[in-house]
Amino acid sequence: MKLDLHIHTTASDGAWSPEAVVRAAAKGGLDVIAVSDHDTTAAFATASAVAAEVRLQVIPALEVSSTHRDRDVHVLGYFVDPEADAMIAHRARATSRRDERMQEMVDRLSASGIEITFEQVEEEAGPDRVAIGRPHLARALVAAGHASSVHGAFNTLIGDGSDAFVPTRLLTPVEAVELILASHGIPIWAHPPGDLVDPLLPELVRAGLRGLEVYRPSHKRHDMLRYEGICRTSGLLMSGGSDWHTPDAGTALGDFFVEATEIEQLLEEGGL
């Protein structure tokens, strides 16, 4: 069984609609996916309906944004209840905060002489978006001629170390874990930064964190082995996914996958 438990759609900052993502995942040979948009489960209903047509299973999930000392920390929530009270409240709060954050970044860019408007970012996000994010801003910068590519926009204008960067400041990492637990989900630390794992992991585990995203195409082998070791010695669950956003990055859905045997404990806890 082939799985990819980290995929984005147009509900947040992905390039493809939920229907297009599910059909492409099935064509790519995947059996199970998690549509894990930023701070919203809005894509799940459509994705699940289309999945029934193509014999693919979709896990209800999302990627919750949080901030630790002005650095973004993301927590994946698997097998969440999309209609839990805590999840509905978070979606509304996140939409508002993400709009505020984007306006702050646009203002910073404009102050530095790079003219871009919130409306241009919204246009790139499209009508299906629920959560607005930096990839939308990057595409707007490319369309306006301020960058030659999305990758270049991140590298030179809106990356984490840039003057225009504004942390999401929506929740703390502990609050992100608590939100997922309140929504009956399994919290897994997404793409954990290597330098934050040792100082932050104990606090998150005490809050209820259940595991780490171990398997990713961007993880170097020594990082993967380190995270595997942490999970095995600490009794944590392992997950994996491509963090796929767009075909423009040169990869298709199904190019990266994890086997069920690699993440079997997570699947068992989720009832698969």
Protein backbone atom coordinates (compact mmCIF):
# COMPACT_ATOMS: atom_id res chain seq x y z
CA MET A 1 0.00 0.00 0.00
CA LYS A 2 1.38 3.42 -1.04
CA LEU A 3 0.61 6.47 1.06
CA ASP A 4 1.33 10.20 0.95
CA LEU A 5 0.18 11.87 4.15
CA HIS A 6 1.03 15.49 3.39
CA ILE A 7 -0.64 17.09 0.36
CA HIS A 8 -2.04 20.59 -0.18
CA THR A 9 -4.91 21.85 -2.35
CA THR A 10 -6.35 25.19 -3.39
CA ALA A 11 -8.14 25.35 -0.04
CA SER A 12 -4.81 26.65 1.27
CA ASP A 13 -1.67 27.16 -0.82
CA GLY A 14 -1.77 24.23 -3.22
CA ALA A 15 -2.03 24.72 -6.99
CA TRP A 16 -4.74 22.11 -7.66
CA SER A 17 -8.33 21.71 -6.52
CA PRO A 18 -9.23 18.84 -4.16
CA GLU A 19 -10.76 16.93 -7.06
CA ALA A 20 -7.67 17.37 -9.24
CA VAL A 21 -5.39 16.31 -6.39
CA VAL A 22 -7.35 13.12 -5.69
CA ARG A 23 -7.52 12.12 -9.35
CA ALA A 24 -3.79 12.78 -9.82
CA ALA A 25 -2.96 10.82 -6.67
CA ALA A 26 -4.93 7.83 -7.94
CA LYS A 27 -3.26 8.10 -11.35
CA GLY A 28 0.11 8.21 -9.59
CA GLY A 29 -0.57 4.89 -7.89
CA LEU A 30 -1.29 6.12 -4.39
CA ASP A 31 -3.76 4.19 -2.23
CA VAL A 32 -4.14 6.53 0.75
CA ILE A 33 -3.55 10.27 1.03
CA ALA A 34 -4.00 12.95 3.65
CA VAL A 35 -5.19 16.29 2.33
CA SER A 36 -3.48 18.46 4.93
CA ASP A 37 -4.12 22.08 4.04
CA HIS A 38 -2.93 24.90 6.26
CA ASP A 39 -5.37 25.53 9.10
CA THR A 40 -8.42 24.23 7.28
CA THR A 41 -10.20 20.97 6.52
CA ALA A 42 -12.39 22.62 3.88
CA ALA A 43 -11.14 20.33 1.10
CA PHE A 44 -11.96 17.07 2.85
CA ALA A 45 -15.61 16.65 1.84
CA THR A 46 -14.91 17.09 -1.88
CA ALA A 47 -11.72 15.04 -1.76
CA SER A 48 -13.46 12.19 0.04
CA ALA A 49 -16.36 12.15 -2.44
CA VAL A 50 -14.05 12.02 -5.46
CA ALA A 51 -11.86 9.40 -3.76
CA ALA A 52 -14.82 7.03 -3.62
CA GLU A 53 -14.99 7.16 -7.41
CA VAL A 54 -11.32 6.32 -7.95
CA ARG A 55 -10.90 3.80 -5.12
CA LEU A 56 -8.55 5.89 -3.05
CA GLN A 57 -8.85 6.68 0.66
CA VAL A 58 -8.53 10.21 2.04
CA ILE A 59 -7.62 10.75 5.69
CA PRO A 60 -9.16 13.89 7.24
CA ALA A 61 -6.21 16.06 8.18
CA LEU A 62 -4.75 19.55 8.31
CA GLU A 63 -1.47 21.33 9.00
CA VAL A 64 -1.82 23.67 11.97
CA SER A 65 0.33 26.81 12.01
CA SER A 66 2.03 27.91 15.20
CA THR A 67 4.91 30.14 16.21
CA HIS A 68 7.82 29.52 18.59
CA ARG A 69 10.08 32.50 19.21
CA ASP A 70 9.18 34.05 15.84
CA ARG A 71 9.74 30.78 13.98
CA ASP A 72 6.95 28.84 12.30
CA VAL A 73 6.29 25.39 13.74
CA HIS A 74 3.70 23.25 11.95
CA VAL A 75 1.79 20.36 13.46
CA LEU A 76 -0.08 17.86 11.31
CA GLY A 77 -3.39 16.61 12.64
CA TYR A 78 -4.46 13.21 11.31
CA PHE A 79 -7.90 11.60 11.60
CA VAL A 80 -9.40 14.83 12.91
CA ASP A 81 -13.12 15.48 13.06
CA PRO A 82 -13.56 18.31 10.51
CA GLU A 83 -16.77 19.42 12.22
CA ALA A 84 -15.48 19.44 15.79
CA ASP A 85 -16.28 22.71 17.56
CA ALA A 86 -12.59 23.42 18.12
CA MET A 87 -11.84 22.89 14.41
CA ILE A 88 -14.64 25.17 13.22
CA ALA A 89 -13.51 27.94 15.57
CA HIS A 90 -9.90 27.55 14.47
CA ARG A 91 -10.75 27.78 10.77
CA ALA A 92 -12.47 31.12 11.29
CA ARG A 93 -9.68 32.50 13.47
CA ALA A 94 -6.97 31.27 11.10
CA THR A 95 -8.58 32.81 8.02
CA SER A 96 -8.68 36.21 9.68
CA ARG A 97 -5.16 36.02 11.08
CA ARG A 98 -3.66 34.81 7.80
CA ASP A 99 -5.24 37.74 5.97
CA GLU A 100 -3.77 40.13 8.56
CA ARG A 101 -0.36 38.52 8.24
CA MET A 102 -0.43 38.75 4.45
CA GLN A 103 -1.33 42.43 4.61
CA GLU A 104 1.64 42.99 6.95
CA MET A 105 3.98 41.28 4.48
CA VAL A 106 2.58 43.26 1.56
CA ASP A 107 3.09 46.47 3.54
CA ARG A 108 6.70 45.55 4.31
CA LEU A 109 7.40 44.79 0.67
CA SER A 110 5.83 48.08 -0.42
CA ALA A 111 7.89 49.98 2.15
CA SER A 112 11.03 48.51 0.60
CA GLY A 113 10.01 49.60 -2.90
CA ILE A 114 8.44 46.36 -4.11
CA GLU A 115 4.92 47.34 -5.12
CA ILE A 116 2.39 44.56 -4.62
CA THR A 117 -1.18 44.63 -3.32
CA PHE A 118 -3.27 42.30 -1.22
CA GLU A 119 -5.73 42.11 -4.11
CA GLN A 120 -3.00 40.77 -6.39
CA VAL A 121 -2.23 38.06 -3.84
CA GLU A 122 -5.92 37.20 -3.56
CA GLU A 123 -6.13 36.88 -7.34
CA GLU A 124 -3.30 34.34 -7.32
CA ALA A 125 -4.95 32.46 -4.45
CA GLY A 126 -8.10 31.98 -6.49
CA PRO A 127 -11.74 31.63 -5.49
CA ASP A 128 -11.36 28.28 -3.69
CA ARG A 129 -8.83 29.38 -1.13
CA VAL A 130 -9.69 29.41 2.55
CA ALA A 131 -6.25 30.00 4.03
CA ILE A 132 -3.93 32.45 2.28
CA GLY A 133 -0.20 31.80 2.38
CA ARG A 134 3.23 32.81 1.16
CA PRO A 135 3.10 30.70 -2.03
CA HIS A 136 0.21 32.93 -3.14
CA LEU A 137 2.34 35.99 -2.45
CA ALA A 138 5.26 34.42 -4.28
CA ARG A 139 3.13 33.81 -7.37
CA ALA A 140 1.86 37.40 -7.24
CA LEU A 141 5.44 38.66 -7.09
CA VAL A 142 6.32 36.57 -10.14
CA ALA A 143 3.25 37.81 -12.04
CA ALA A 144 4.20 41.42 -11.20
CA GLY A 145 7.76 40.91 -12.45
CA HIS A 146 9.46 41.18 -9.06
CA ALA A 147 10.80 37.62 -9.16
CA SER A 148 11.55 35.11 -11.91
CA SER A 149 10.09 32.12 -10.05
CA VAL A 150 8.27 31.14 -6.88
CA HIS A 151 11.49 29.61 -5.59
CA GLY A 152 13.34 32.83 -6.35
CA ALA A 153 10.69 34.90 -4.58
CA PHE A 154 11.17 32.87 -1.43
CA ASN A 155 14.95 33.00 -1.68
CA THR A 156 15.25 36.73 -2.22
CA LEU A 157 12.10 38.41 -0.92
CA ILE A 158 9.81 36.48 1.44
CA GLY A 159 11.80 33.64 2.99
CA ASP A 160 12.02 33.13 6.74
CA GLY A 161 15.07 35.35 7.09
CA SER A 162 13.83 38.18 4.90
CA ASP A 163 12.82 41.66 6.03
CA ALA A 164 9.31 41.03 4.68
CA PHE A 165 8.75 37.82 6.65
CA VAL A 166 6.02 37.92 9.29
CA PRO A 167 5.43 34.88 11.53
CA THR A 168 1.91 33.49 11.49
CA ARG A 169 1.49 34.08 15.24
CA LEU A 170 -1.76 32.14 15.33
CA LEU A 171 -1.06 29.62 18.09
CA THR A 172 1.83 28.35 20.16
CA PRO A 173 3.06 24.83 19.30
CA VAL A 174 1.46 23.51 22.50
CA GLU A 175 -1.85 25.13 21.54
CA ALA A 176 -1.60 23.55 18.08
CA VAL A 177 -1.23 20.12 19.67
CA GLU A 178 -4.14 20.81 22.01
CA LEU A 179 -6.34 21.93 19.09
CA ILE A 180 -5.75 18.65 17.25
CA LEU A 181 -6.46 16.61 20.37
CA ALA A 182 -9.65 18.59 20.96
CA SER A 183 -10.65 17.70 17.39
CA HIS A 184 -10.10 13.99 18.13
CA GLY A 185 -6.99 13.82 15.94
CA ILE A 186 -3.43 12.55 16.20
CA PRO A 187 -0.84 15.38 16.36
CA ILE A 188 2.41 14.85 14.45
CA TRP A 189 5.20 17.44 14.19
CA ALA A 190 5.53 18.39 10.50
CA HIS A 191 9.02 18.77 8.98
CA PRO A 192 10.57 19.36 12.43
CA PRO A 193 13.53 21.79 12.26
CA GLY A 194 16.62 19.94 13.39
CA ASP A 195 17.74 22.61 15.84
CA LEU A 196 14.34 22.80 17.56
CA VAL A 197 13.74 19.10 18.12
CA ASP A 198 15.84 18.66 21.25
CA PRO A 199 14.70 21.82 23.10
CA LEU A 200 11.03 21.75 22.07
CA LEU A 201 10.10 18.07 21.75
CA PRO A 202 9.80 17.28 25.50
CA GLU A 203 7.31 20.13 26.01
CA LEU A 204 5.23 19.06 23.00
CA VAL A 205 5.19 15.44 24.10
CA ARG A 206 3.94 16.50 27.53
CA ALA A 207 1.17 18.42 25.76
CA GLY A 208 0.16 15.31 23.82
CA LEU A 209 2.26 15.27 20.63
CA ARG A 210 2.21 11.72 19.28
CA GLY A 211 4.96 11.64 16.69
CA LEU A 212 7.21 13.13 14.02
CA GLU A 213 7.05 13.44 10.26
CA VAL A 214 10.08 11.25 9.57
CA TYR A 215 9.85 10.49 5.85
CA ARG A 216 10.01 13.39 3.40
CA PRO A 217 11.69 13.80 0.02
CA SER A 218 13.62 16.81 1.35
CA HIS A 219 14.96 15.03 4.44
CA LYS A 220 18.61 14.09 4.29
CA ARG A 221 19.34 10.51 5.25
CA HIS A 222 21.03 11.43 8.52
CA ASP A 223 17.97 13.50 9.53
CA MET A 224 15.63 10.64 8.72
CA LEU A 225 17.73 8.20 10.74
CA ARG A 226 17.86 10.65 13.63
CA TYR A 227 14.07 11.08 13.68
CA GLU A 228 13.53 7.33 13.35
CA GLY A 229 15.78 6.81 16.37
CA ILE A 230 13.97 9.45 18.42
CA CYS A 231 10.59 7.88 17.65
CA ARG A 232 11.71 4.36 18.48
CA THR A 233 13.39 5.28 21.76
CA SER A 234 10.59 7.64 22.84
CA GLY A 235 7.62 5.54 21.73
CA LEU A 236 6.49 8.14 19.20
CA LEU A 237 4.64 7.50 15.95
CA MET A 238 6.24 8.01 12.54
CA SER A 239 4.63 9.61 9.51
CA GLY A 240 5.67 10.65 6.03
CA GLY A 241 4.54 12.70 3.08
CA SER A 242 5.68 14.74 0.13
CA ASP A 243 4.35 18.15 1.28
CA TRP A 244 3.17 18.48 -2.33
CA HIS A 245 1.91 21.89 -3.44
CA THR A 246 2.35 22.19 -7.20
CA PRO A 247 3.56 20.32 -10.29
CA ASP A 248 5.72 23.35 -11.05
CA ALA A 249 8.21 21.97 -8.51
CA GLY A 250 8.93 19.14 -10.95
CA THR A 251 7.33 16.26 -9.07
CA ALA A 252 4.07 14.42 -9.61
CA LEU A 253 1.80 12.97 -6.98
CA GLY A 254 2.95 9.41 -6.45
CA ASP A 255 6.63 10.12 -7.13
CA PHE A 256 7.12 10.03 -3.35
CA PHE A 257 5.31 7.65 -1.06
CA VAL A 258 5.67 5.71 2.15
CA GLU A 259 4.76 2.08 2.65
CA ALA A 260 2.18 1.09 5.24
CA THR A 261 4.81 -0.94 7.08
CA GLU A 262 6.86 2.22 7.70
CA ILE A 263 4.05 4.01 9.51
CA GLU A 264 1.89 1.09 10.64
CA GLN A 265 1.47 2.28 14.24
CA LEU A 266 0.02 5.60 13.08
CA LEU A 267 -2.38 3.81 10.76
CA GLU A 268 -3.43 1.41 13.50
CA GLU A 269 -4.18 4.27 15.88
CA GLY A 270 -6.21 5.95 13.15
CA GLY A 271 -8.23 2.80 12.56
CA LEU A 272 -6.81 1.85 9.14
